[in-house]
Amino acid sequence: MVMEMKLVLALAGLVVLIFAGIAWIQHNMYRQEEKRKQWEMKKASQHEITPIRMRAYERLSLLLERTQPEAMIHEMIADNTWTGQTVSDIQRELLQRLRMEFDHNMSQQVYVSEEVWQRVILSRDEMAAFITAIANQMPADSNAADYMKALIQAYHQNGDTPHELALDALHQEAKTLI
């Protein structure tokens, strides 16, 4: 009887081990299948997402180019919105153009890394501070043309500008998709 009991317990233990092994194998197979499905979904979505991300990089590059002082000033000259304006009028107009360009491209943050987006924001913030700082440094009798000239000259003397740093980060990240 004792021998039979030991045999039954041994068989029960063996059955438990077999079921545990089967459960472990099934769990691993399920995990592998989930990983495979996720990889396939990612691969399929990359085919659709990559062109959208590339357009986002293009739009943000254009944003950075358009919000440099020289570009904004040339646009103001082309629009003939600067004549008869004071330094503070031009400053206000430049800050408004900067905000409008940025606001127009705000949705692109979804398609770039947090690091790149933060560089774009830093570029915007530093450009606004730069526009204001140059306006504050202008003599009281300065006109709009003097201010615009001072902005362009000071901007080109700054070395690596936040725009250039943001563009570089943007280009480096875009290269990873190609």
N, C-alpha and C. Protein backbone atom coordinates (compact mmCIF):
# COMPACT_ATOMS: atom_id res chain seq x y z
N MET A 1 0.80 -1.18 0.00
CA MET A 1 0.00 0.00 0.00
C MET A 1 0.86 1.26 0.00
N VAL A 2 1.90 1.27 0.82
CA VAL A 2 2.79 2.44 0.88
C VAL A 2 3.48 2.62 -0.46
N MET A 3 3.86 1.52 -1.02
CA MET A 3 4.54 1.59 -2.32
C MET A 3 3.60 2.14 -3.38
N GLU A 4 2.35 1.73 -3.34
CA GLU A 4 1.37 2.23 -4.30
C GLU A 4 1.14 3.73 -4.10
N MET A 5 1.12 4.15 -2.83
CA MET A 5 0.92 5.56 -2.53
C MET A 5 2.08 6.39 -3.06
N LYS A 6 3.30 5.89 -2.88
CA LYS A 6 4.48 6.60 -3.38
C LYS A 6 4.44 6.68 -4.90
N LEU A 7 4.00 5.61 -5.53
CA LEU A 7 3.91 5.59 -6.99
C LEU A 7 2.87 6.59 -7.47
N VAL A 8 1.72 6.69 -6.80
CA VAL A 8 0.67 7.63 -7.17
C VAL A 8 1.18 9.06 -7.00
N LEU A 9 1.87 9.33 -5.89
CA LEU A 9 2.43 10.67 -5.65
C LEU A 9 3.49 11.01 -6.70
N ALA A 10 4.31 10.06 -7.04
CA ALA A 10 5.34 10.29 -8.05
C ALA A 10 4.70 10.57 -9.40
N LEU A 11 3.66 9.81 -9.74
CA LEU A 11 2.96 10.03 -11.01
C LEU A 11 2.27 11.39 -11.00
N ALA A 12 1.67 11.77 -9.87
CA ALA A 12 1.01 13.08 -9.76
C ALA A 12 2.04 14.19 -9.92
N GLY A 13 3.19 14.03 -9.29
CA GLY A 13 4.26 15.02 -9.42
C GLY A 13 4.73 15.11 -10.86
N LEU A 14 4.84 13.97 -11.51
CA LEU A 14 5.26 13.94 -12.91
C LEU A 14 4.23 14.63 -13.79
N VAL A 15 2.95 14.39 -13.53
CA VAL A 15 1.88 15.03 -14.29
C VAL A 15 1.93 16.54 -14.09
N VAL A 16 2.15 17.00 -12.85
CA VAL A 16 2.25 18.43 -12.57
C VAL A 16 3.42 19.02 -13.33
N LEU A 17 4.56 18.33 -13.31
CA LEU A 17 5.74 18.81 -14.05
C LEU A 17 5.46 18.88 -15.56
N ILE A 18 4.78 17.91 -16.07
CA ILE A 18 4.45 17.90 -17.50
C ILE A 18 3.53 19.07 -17.83
N PHE A 19 2.50 19.28 -17.01
CA PHE A 19 1.58 20.40 -17.26
C PHE A 19 2.29 21.75 -17.12
N ALA A 20 3.17 21.86 -16.14
CA ALA A 20 3.93 23.10 -15.94
C ALA A 20 4.82 23.34 -17.17
N GLY A 21 5.43 22.28 -17.65
CA GLY A 21 6.27 22.41 -18.85
C GLY A 21 5.46 22.82 -20.06
N ILE A 22 4.30 22.23 -20.21
CA ILE A 22 3.41 22.58 -21.34
C ILE A 22 2.97 24.04 -21.21
N ALA A 23 2.60 24.45 -19.99
CA ALA A 23 2.18 25.83 -19.78
C ALA A 23 3.32 26.80 -20.09
N TRP A 24 4.53 26.45 -19.67
CA TRP A 24 5.70 27.31 -19.94
C TRP A 24 5.96 27.41 -21.44
N ILE A 25 5.88 26.30 -22.14
CA ILE A 25 6.09 26.29 -23.59
C ILE A 25 5.02 27.12 -24.29
N GLN A 26 3.75 26.96 -23.87
CA GLN A 26 2.67 27.73 -24.46
C GLN A 26 2.85 29.23 -24.19
N HIS A 27 3.26 29.56 -22.99
CA HIS A 27 3.49 30.97 -22.65
C HIS A 27 4.59 31.56 -23.53
N ASN A 28 5.67 30.85 -23.69
CA ASN A 28 6.77 31.33 -24.56
C ASN A 28 6.33 31.44 -26.01
N MET A 29 5.55 30.48 -26.46
CA MET A 29 5.05 30.54 -27.84
C MET A 29 4.13 31.76 -28.01
N TYR A 30 3.28 32.01 -27.01
CA TYR A 30 2.38 33.16 -27.06
C TYR A 30 3.18 34.46 -27.09
N ARG A 31 4.21 34.58 -26.24
CA ARG A 31 5.05 35.79 -26.22
C ARG A 31 5.76 35.99 -27.55
N GLN A 32 6.28 34.93 -28.12
CA GLN A 32 6.96 35.02 -29.41
C GLN A 32 5.98 35.45 -30.51
N GLU A 33 4.79 34.91 -30.47
CA GLU A 33 3.77 35.28 -31.46
C GLU A 33 3.39 36.75 -31.31
N GLU A 34 3.24 37.23 -30.07
CA GLU A 34 2.93 38.64 -29.84
C GLU A 34 4.05 39.53 -30.34
N LYS A 35 5.29 39.15 -30.08
CA LYS A 35 6.43 39.93 -30.56
C LYS A 35 6.45 39.98 -32.09
N ARG A 36 6.16 38.84 -32.71
CA ARG A 36 6.14 38.77 -34.17
C ARG A 36 5.04 39.68 -34.73
N LYS A 37 3.86 39.66 -34.11
CA LYS A 37 2.74 40.50 -34.55
C LYS A 37 3.08 41.98 -34.39
N GLN A 38 3.69 42.33 -33.25
CA GLN A 38 4.08 43.73 -33.03
C GLN A 38 5.11 44.18 -34.05
N TRP A 39 6.08 43.31 -34.35
CA TRP A 39 7.10 43.64 -35.34
C TRP A 39 6.46 43.84 -36.72
N GLU A 40 5.53 42.96 -37.09
CA GLU A 40 4.86 43.09 -38.38
C GLU A 40 4.03 44.37 -38.45
N MET A 41 3.34 44.72 -37.34
CA MET A 41 2.56 45.95 -37.32
C MET A 41 3.48 47.16 -37.43
N LYS A 42 4.60 47.12 -36.73
CA LYS A 42 5.55 48.23 -36.78
C LYS A 42 6.12 48.37 -38.19
N LYS A 43 6.43 47.25 -38.79
CA LYS A 43 6.98 47.27 -40.15
C LYS A 43 5.96 47.85 -41.13
N ALA A 44 4.71 47.44 -40.99
CA ALA A 44 3.65 47.94 -41.87
C ALA A 44 3.40 49.43 -41.63
N SER A 45 3.41 49.85 -40.37
CA SER A 45 3.16 51.26 -40.09
C SER A 45 4.33 52.13 -40.52
N GLN A 46 5.54 51.61 -40.47
CA GLN A 46 6.71 52.38 -40.92
C GLN A 46 6.58 52.75 -42.39
N HIS A 47 5.99 51.87 -43.14
CA HIS A 47 5.79 52.14 -44.57
C HIS A 47 4.89 53.35 -44.76
N GLU A 48 3.93 53.51 -43.87
CA GLU A 48 3.01 54.65 -43.94
C GLU A 48 3.55 55.87 -43.20
N ILE A 49 4.21 55.65 -42.07
CA ILE A 49 4.65 56.75 -41.21
C ILE A 49 5.89 57.45 -41.76
N THR A 50 6.79 56.73 -42.37
CA THR A 50 8.05 57.33 -42.82
C THR A 50 7.83 58.53 -43.74
N PRO A 51 6.99 58.45 -44.75
CA PRO A 51 6.77 59.64 -45.59
C PRO A 51 6.18 60.82 -44.80
N ILE A 52 5.32 60.53 -43.84
CA ILE A 52 4.74 61.60 -43.02
C ILE A 52 5.82 62.24 -42.16
N ARG A 53 6.67 61.41 -41.58
CA ARG A 53 7.77 61.94 -40.76
C ARG A 53 8.73 62.77 -41.61
N MET A 54 9.00 62.32 -42.82
CA MET A 54 9.91 63.08 -43.70
C MET A 54 9.30 64.44 -44.02
N ARG A 55 8.00 64.49 -44.26
CA ARG A 55 7.34 65.79 -44.51
C ARG A 55 7.42 66.68 -43.26
N ALA A 56 7.33 66.08 -42.10
CA ALA A 56 7.45 66.86 -40.85
C ALA A 56 8.86 67.45 -40.74
N TYR A 57 9.87 66.67 -41.07
CA TYR A 57 11.24 67.19 -41.05
C TYR A 57 11.39 68.33 -42.05
N GLU A 58 10.79 68.16 -43.21
CA GLU A 58 10.86 69.22 -44.23
C GLU A 58 10.17 70.49 -43.72
N ARG A 59 8.99 70.32 -43.14
CA ARG A 59 8.25 71.50 -42.65
C ARG A 59 8.98 72.19 -41.52
N LEU A 60 9.57 71.42 -40.62
CA LEU A 60 10.31 72.04 -39.52
C LEU A 60 11.58 72.71 -40.02
N SER A 61 12.21 72.13 -41.04
CA SER A 61 13.38 72.78 -41.65
C SER A 61 12.97 74.11 -42.25
N LEU A 62 11.87 74.11 -42.94
CA LEU A 62 11.35 75.34 -43.54
C LEU A 62 10.99 76.36 -42.45
N LEU A 63 10.38 75.90 -41.37
CA LEU A 63 10.07 76.78 -40.25
C LEU A 63 11.34 77.45 -39.73
N LEU A 64 12.38 76.67 -39.53
CA LEU A 64 13.63 77.22 -39.01
C LEU A 64 14.26 78.21 -39.99
N GLU A 65 14.17 77.91 -41.27
CA GLU A 65 14.71 78.83 -42.28
C GLU A 65 13.90 80.13 -42.34
N ARG A 66 12.59 79.99 -42.27
CA ARG A 66 11.70 81.16 -42.39
C ARG A 66 11.73 82.07 -41.17
N THR A 67 12.16 81.54 -40.02
CA THR A 67 12.15 82.35 -38.80
C THR A 67 13.52 82.94 -38.46
N GLN A 68 14.44 82.86 -39.37
CA GLN A 68 15.70 83.58 -39.19
C GLN A 68 15.44 85.05 -39.50
N PRO A 69 16.13 85.96 -38.83
CA PRO A 69 15.85 87.39 -39.02
C PRO A 69 15.89 87.84 -40.48
N GLU A 70 16.86 87.39 -41.19
CA GLU A 70 17.00 87.81 -42.59
C GLU A 70 15.78 87.41 -43.42
N ALA A 71 15.32 86.19 -43.21
CA ALA A 71 14.16 85.71 -43.98
C ALA A 71 12.90 86.49 -43.60
N MET A 72 12.69 86.72 -42.31
CA MET A 72 11.50 87.46 -41.90
C MET A 72 11.55 88.91 -42.38
N ILE A 73 12.73 89.50 -42.34
CA ILE A 73 12.88 90.89 -42.80
C ILE A 73 12.66 90.98 -44.30
N HIS A 74 13.22 90.04 -45.06
CA HIS A 74 12.99 90.04 -46.51
C HIS A 74 11.51 89.90 -46.83
N GLU A 75 10.81 89.09 -46.07
CA GLU A 75 9.37 88.93 -46.28
C GLU A 75 8.64 90.25 -45.97
N MET A 76 9.05 90.93 -44.91
CA MET A 76 8.45 92.22 -44.57
C MET A 76 8.71 93.26 -45.66
N ILE A 77 9.92 93.23 -46.20
CA ILE A 77 10.26 94.17 -47.27
C ILE A 77 9.43 93.86 -48.51
N ALA A 78 9.29 92.57 -48.82
CA ALA A 78 8.49 92.17 -49.99
C ALA A 78 7.02 92.56 -49.80
N ASP A 79 6.53 92.44 -48.57
CA ASP A 79 5.14 92.82 -48.27
C ASP A 79 4.98 94.32 -48.12
N ASN A 80 6.11 95.03 -48.06
CA ASN A 80 6.14 96.48 -47.86
C ASN A 80 5.41 96.88 -46.58
N THR A 81 5.62 96.07 -45.52
CA THR A 81 4.98 96.35 -44.24
C THR A 81 5.90 97.07 -43.26
N TRP A 82 7.07 97.47 -43.70
CA TRP A 82 8.02 98.05 -42.77
C TRP A 82 8.14 99.57 -42.89
N THR A 83 7.72 100.11 -44.02
CA THR A 83 7.91 101.55 -44.22
C THR A 83 7.04 102.34 -43.24
N GLY A 84 7.65 103.36 -42.68
CA GLY A 84 6.95 104.22 -41.74
C GLY A 84 6.79 103.62 -40.36
N GLN A 85 7.40 102.48 -40.12
CA GLN A 85 7.26 101.78 -38.84
C GLN A 85 8.40 102.19 -37.89
N THR A 86 8.13 102.10 -36.61
CA THR A 86 9.15 102.35 -35.60
C THR A 86 9.85 101.04 -35.27
N VAL A 87 10.90 101.15 -34.48
CA VAL A 87 11.63 99.94 -34.04
C VAL A 87 10.68 99.02 -33.29
N SER A 88 9.87 99.56 -32.40
CA SER A 88 8.96 98.70 -31.63
C SER A 88 7.88 98.08 -32.53
N ASP A 89 7.48 98.78 -33.58
CA ASP A 89 6.52 98.22 -34.54
C ASP A 89 7.14 97.02 -35.26
N ILE A 90 8.37 97.18 -35.69
CA ILE A 90 9.06 96.09 -36.40
C ILE A 90 9.29 94.93 -35.44
N GLN A 91 9.70 95.23 -34.23
CA GLN A 91 9.90 94.18 -33.22
C GLN A 91 8.61 93.39 -33.03
N ARG A 92 7.51 94.08 -32.86
CA ARG A 92 6.21 93.44 -32.66
C ARG A 92 5.83 92.59 -33.89
N GLU A 93 6.06 93.12 -35.07
CA GLU A 93 5.76 92.39 -36.31
C GLU A 93 6.62 91.12 -36.42
N LEU A 94 7.89 91.23 -36.11
CA LEU A 94 8.78 90.06 -36.18
C LEU A 94 8.36 89.00 -35.16
N LEU A 95 8.04 89.42 -33.96
CA LEU A 95 7.60 88.46 -32.94
C LEU A 95 6.28 87.80 -33.33
N GLN A 96 5.41 88.55 -33.96
CA GLN A 96 4.14 87.98 -34.42
C GLN A 96 4.39 86.97 -35.54
N ARG A 97 5.25 87.30 -36.47
CA ARG A 97 5.57 86.36 -37.56
C ARG A 97 6.21 85.08 -37.00
N LEU A 98 7.08 85.26 -36.02
CA LEU A 98 7.72 84.11 -35.39
C LEU A 98 6.68 83.21 -34.74
N ARG A 99 5.76 83.79 -33.98
CA ARG A 99 4.69 83.00 -33.33
C ARG A 99 3.79 82.32 -34.36
N MET A 100 3.43 83.05 -35.41
CA MET A 100 2.54 82.48 -36.42
C MET A 100 3.19 81.30 -37.13
N GLU A 101 4.45 81.45 -37.50
CA GLU A 101 5.15 80.34 -38.15
C GLU A 101 5.20 79.13 -37.23
N PHE A 102 5.53 79.38 -35.98
CA PHE A 102 5.64 78.28 -35.03
C PHE A 102 4.28 77.63 -34.81
N ASP A 103 3.26 78.44 -34.56
CA ASP A 103 1.92 77.91 -34.32
C ASP A 103 1.41 77.09 -35.51
N HIS A 104 1.75 77.54 -36.71
CA HIS A 104 1.32 76.85 -37.93
C HIS A 104 1.95 75.45 -38.03
N ASN A 105 3.09 75.26 -37.41
CA ASN A 105 3.81 73.99 -37.51
C ASN A 105 3.83 73.19 -36.21
N MET A 106 3.04 73.59 -35.26
CA MET A 106 3.01 72.95 -33.94
C MET A 106 2.73 71.45 -34.02
N SER A 107 1.88 71.04 -34.93
CA SER A 107 1.49 69.64 -35.00
C SER A 107 2.63 68.72 -35.42
N GLN A 108 3.69 69.27 -35.94
CA GLN A 108 4.81 68.44 -36.41
C GLN A 108 5.57 67.78 -35.27
N GLN A 109 5.34 68.26 -34.03
CA GLN A 109 6.04 67.68 -32.89
C GLN A 109 5.70 66.21 -32.70
N VAL A 110 4.58 65.78 -33.23
CA VAL A 110 4.16 64.39 -33.10
C VAL A 110 5.12 63.45 -33.83
N TYR A 111 5.77 63.95 -34.87
CA TYR A 111 6.55 63.09 -35.75
C TYR A 111 8.06 63.15 -35.51
N VAL A 112 8.52 63.97 -34.57
CA VAL A 112 9.95 64.07 -34.31
C VAL A 112 10.22 63.70 -32.85
N SER A 113 11.48 63.45 -32.55
CA SER A 113 11.83 63.08 -31.18
C SER A 113 11.67 64.28 -30.25
N GLU A 114 11.60 63.99 -28.99
CA GLU A 114 11.48 65.04 -27.97
C GLU A 114 12.70 65.96 -28.02
N GLU A 115 13.87 65.39 -28.26
CA GLU A 115 15.10 66.20 -28.33
C GLU A 115 15.03 67.21 -29.47
N VAL A 116 14.63 66.77 -30.64
CA VAL A 116 14.52 67.67 -31.78
C VAL A 116 13.47 68.74 -31.52
N TRP A 117 12.32 68.34 -30.99
CA TRP A 117 11.26 69.31 -30.73
C TRP A 117 11.72 70.36 -29.72
N GLN A 118 12.45 69.93 -28.70
CA GLN A 118 12.95 70.88 -27.70
C GLN A 118 13.94 71.86 -28.32
N ARG A 119 14.71 71.38 -29.28
CA ARG A 119 15.65 72.30 -29.97
C ARG A 119 14.89 73.31 -30.82
N VAL A 120 13.80 72.90 -31.43
CA VAL A 120 12.96 73.82 -32.20
C VAL A 120 12.35 74.88 -31.27
N ILE A 121 11.86 74.44 -30.13
CA ILE A 121 11.29 75.37 -29.15
C ILE A 121 12.36 76.34 -28.66
N LEU A 122 13.54 75.81 -28.34
CA LEU A 122 14.64 76.66 -27.88
C LEU A 122 15.01 77.68 -28.95
N SER A 123 15.01 77.25 -30.19
CA SER A 123 15.30 78.16 -31.31
C SER A 123 14.29 79.30 -31.34
N ARG A 124 13.01 78.96 -31.22
CA ARG A 124 11.96 79.97 -31.21
C ARG A 124 12.13 80.94 -30.05
N ASP A 125 12.34 80.38 -28.86
CA ASP A 125 12.46 81.22 -27.66
C ASP A 125 13.67 82.13 -27.72
N GLU A 126 14.78 81.58 -28.17
CA GLU A 126 15.99 82.40 -28.26
C GLU A 126 15.89 83.45 -29.36
N MET A 127 15.17 83.13 -30.43
CA MET A 127 14.97 84.13 -31.48
C MET A 127 14.11 85.27 -30.96
N ALA A 128 13.08 84.97 -30.22
CA ALA A 128 12.24 86.01 -29.64
C ALA A 128 13.06 86.88 -28.68
N ALA A 129 13.89 86.27 -27.87
CA ALA A 129 14.73 87.02 -26.94
C ALA A 129 15.74 87.87 -27.70
N PHE A 130 16.27 87.34 -28.78
CA PHE A 130 17.25 88.07 -29.61
C PHE A 130 16.60 89.30 -30.25
N ILE A 131 15.41 89.11 -30.81
CA ILE A 131 14.69 90.23 -31.45
C ILE A 131 14.45 91.34 -30.42
N THR A 132 14.05 90.95 -29.23
CA THR A 132 13.77 91.92 -28.17
C THR A 132 15.05 92.58 -27.69
N ALA A 133 16.11 91.81 -27.52
CA ALA A 133 17.38 92.36 -27.02
C ALA A 133 17.95 93.40 -27.98
N ILE A 134 17.91 93.11 -29.26
CA ILE A 134 18.45 94.07 -30.24
C ILE A 134 17.58 95.32 -30.26
N ALA A 135 16.27 95.17 -30.16
CA ALA A 135 15.38 96.34 -30.12
C ALA A 135 15.69 97.20 -28.90
N ASN A 136 15.96 96.57 -27.77
CA ASN A 136 16.25 97.30 -26.54
C ASN A 136 17.61 98.01 -26.60
N GLN A 137 18.51 97.51 -27.43
CA GLN A 137 19.84 98.11 -27.56
C GLN A 137 19.87 99.28 -28.54
N MET A 138 18.82 99.44 -29.31
CA MET A 138 18.80 100.48 -30.33
C MET A 138 18.68 101.86 -29.69
N PRO A 139 19.43 102.85 -30.23
CA PRO A 139 19.29 104.23 -29.74
C PRO A 139 17.86 104.72 -29.99
N ALA A 140 17.45 105.69 -29.20
CA ALA A 140 16.07 106.20 -29.26
C ALA A 140 15.71 106.76 -30.63
N ASP A 141 16.67 107.31 -31.35
CA ASP A 141 16.38 107.93 -32.64
C ASP A 141 16.50 106.96 -33.82
N SER A 142 16.62 105.65 -33.56
CA SER A 142 16.77 104.66 -34.63
C SER A 142 15.47 104.49 -35.39
N ASN A 143 15.62 104.19 -36.67
CA ASN A 143 14.44 103.91 -37.48
C ASN A 143 14.38 102.41 -37.78
N ALA A 144 13.35 102.01 -38.47
CA ALA A 144 13.12 100.60 -38.77
C ALA A 144 14.27 100.00 -39.57
N ALA A 145 14.78 100.74 -40.53
CA ALA A 145 15.87 100.23 -41.37
C ALA A 145 17.12 99.97 -40.53
N ASP A 146 17.43 100.88 -39.59
CA ASP A 146 18.59 100.68 -38.72
C ASP A 146 18.42 99.41 -37.88
N TYR A 147 17.23 99.23 -37.36
CA TYR A 147 16.94 98.05 -36.53
C TYR A 147 17.08 96.76 -37.34
N MET A 148 16.51 96.73 -38.52
CA MET A 148 16.58 95.52 -39.35
C MET A 148 18.03 95.21 -39.71
N LYS A 149 18.80 96.23 -40.03
CA LYS A 149 20.22 96.04 -40.36
C LYS A 149 20.98 95.51 -39.15
N ALA A 150 20.71 96.08 -37.99
CA ALA A 150 21.37 95.64 -36.75
C ALA A 150 21.02 94.19 -36.43
N LEU A 151 19.77 93.81 -36.65
CA LEU A 151 19.34 92.42 -36.41
C LEU A 151 20.13 91.45 -37.28
N ILE A 152 20.20 91.75 -38.55
CA ILE A 152 20.88 90.84 -39.48
C ILE A 152 22.36 90.75 -39.16
N GLN A 153 23.00 91.89 -38.88
CA GLN A 153 24.43 91.88 -38.58
C GLN A 153 24.70 91.11 -37.29
N ALA A 154 23.94 91.39 -36.25
CA ALA A 154 24.15 90.72 -34.96
C ALA A 154 23.90 89.22 -35.08
N TYR A 155 22.92 88.83 -35.85
CA TYR A 155 22.58 87.42 -36.00
C TYR A 155 23.74 86.66 -36.64
N HIS A 156 24.36 87.26 -37.64
CA HIS A 156 25.45 86.57 -38.34
C HIS A 156 26.75 86.58 -37.54
N GLN A 157 26.82 87.34 -36.48
CA GLN A 157 28.02 87.38 -35.64
C GLN A 157 27.92 86.40 -34.48
N ASN A 158 26.81 85.74 -34.33
CA ASN A 158 26.57 84.87 -33.17
C ASN A 158 27.22 83.50 -33.26
N GLY A 159 27.81 83.13 -34.35
CA GLY A 159 28.37 81.78 -34.47
C GLY A 159 27.26 80.77 -34.70
N ASP A 160 27.33 79.66 -33.98
CA ASP A 160 26.29 78.64 -34.10
C ASP A 160 25.01 79.14 -33.45
N THR A 161 24.05 79.45 -34.28
CA THR A 161 22.78 79.98 -33.78
C THR A 161 21.87 78.82 -33.36
N PRO A 162 20.88 79.08 -32.53
CA PRO A 162 19.92 78.03 -32.16
C PRO A 162 19.23 77.43 -33.39
N HIS A 163 19.02 78.26 -34.42
CA HIS A 163 18.42 77.73 -35.65
C HIS A 163 19.33 76.68 -36.27
N GLU A 164 20.62 76.98 -36.35
CA GLU A 164 21.56 76.02 -36.94
C GLU A 164 21.64 74.75 -36.12
N LEU A 165 21.64 74.88 -34.79
CA LEU A 165 21.70 73.70 -33.92
C LEU A 165 20.44 72.85 -34.08
N ALA A 166 19.29 73.50 -34.17
CA ALA A 166 18.04 72.77 -34.36
C ALA A 166 18.01 72.10 -35.73
N LEU A 167 18.46 72.82 -36.75
CA LEU A 167 18.51 72.23 -38.10
C LEU A 167 19.44 71.03 -38.14
N ASP A 168 20.58 71.13 -37.47
CA ASP A 168 21.52 70.02 -37.43
C ASP A 168 20.88 68.79 -36.76
N ALA A 169 20.22 69.00 -35.63
CA ALA A 169 19.55 67.89 -34.94
C ALA A 169 18.45 67.29 -35.82
N LEU A 170 17.73 68.15 -36.50
CA LEU A 170 16.66 67.71 -37.40
C LEU A 170 17.23 66.88 -38.55
N HIS A 171 18.30 67.34 -39.14
CA HIS A 171 18.92 66.61 -40.26
C HIS A 171 19.49 65.26 -39.79
N GLN A 172 20.11 65.26 -38.61
CA GLN A 172 20.67 64.01 -38.10
C GLN A 172 19.57 62.97 -37.87
N GLU A 173 18.47 63.42 -37.30
CA GLU A 173 17.37 62.48 -37.05
C GLU A 173 16.74 62.02 -38.36
N ALA A 174 16.59 62.90 -39.31
CA ALA A 174 15.98 62.54 -40.61
C ALA A 174 16.86 61.52 -41.33
N LYS A 175 18.16 61.61 -41.17
CA LYS A 175 19.07 60.66 -41.82
C LYS A 175 18.85 59.23 -41.32
N THR A 176 18.34 59.09 -40.10
CA THR A 176 18.11 57.75 -39.58
C THR A 176 16.97 57.04 -40.31
N LEU A 177 16.12 57.81 -40.97
CA LEU A 177 15.00 57.21 -41.71
C LEU A 177 15.37 56.81 -43.14
N ILE A 178 16.47 57.35 -43.59
CA ILE A 178 16.86 57.12 -44.99
C ILE A 178 17.73 55.88 -45.09
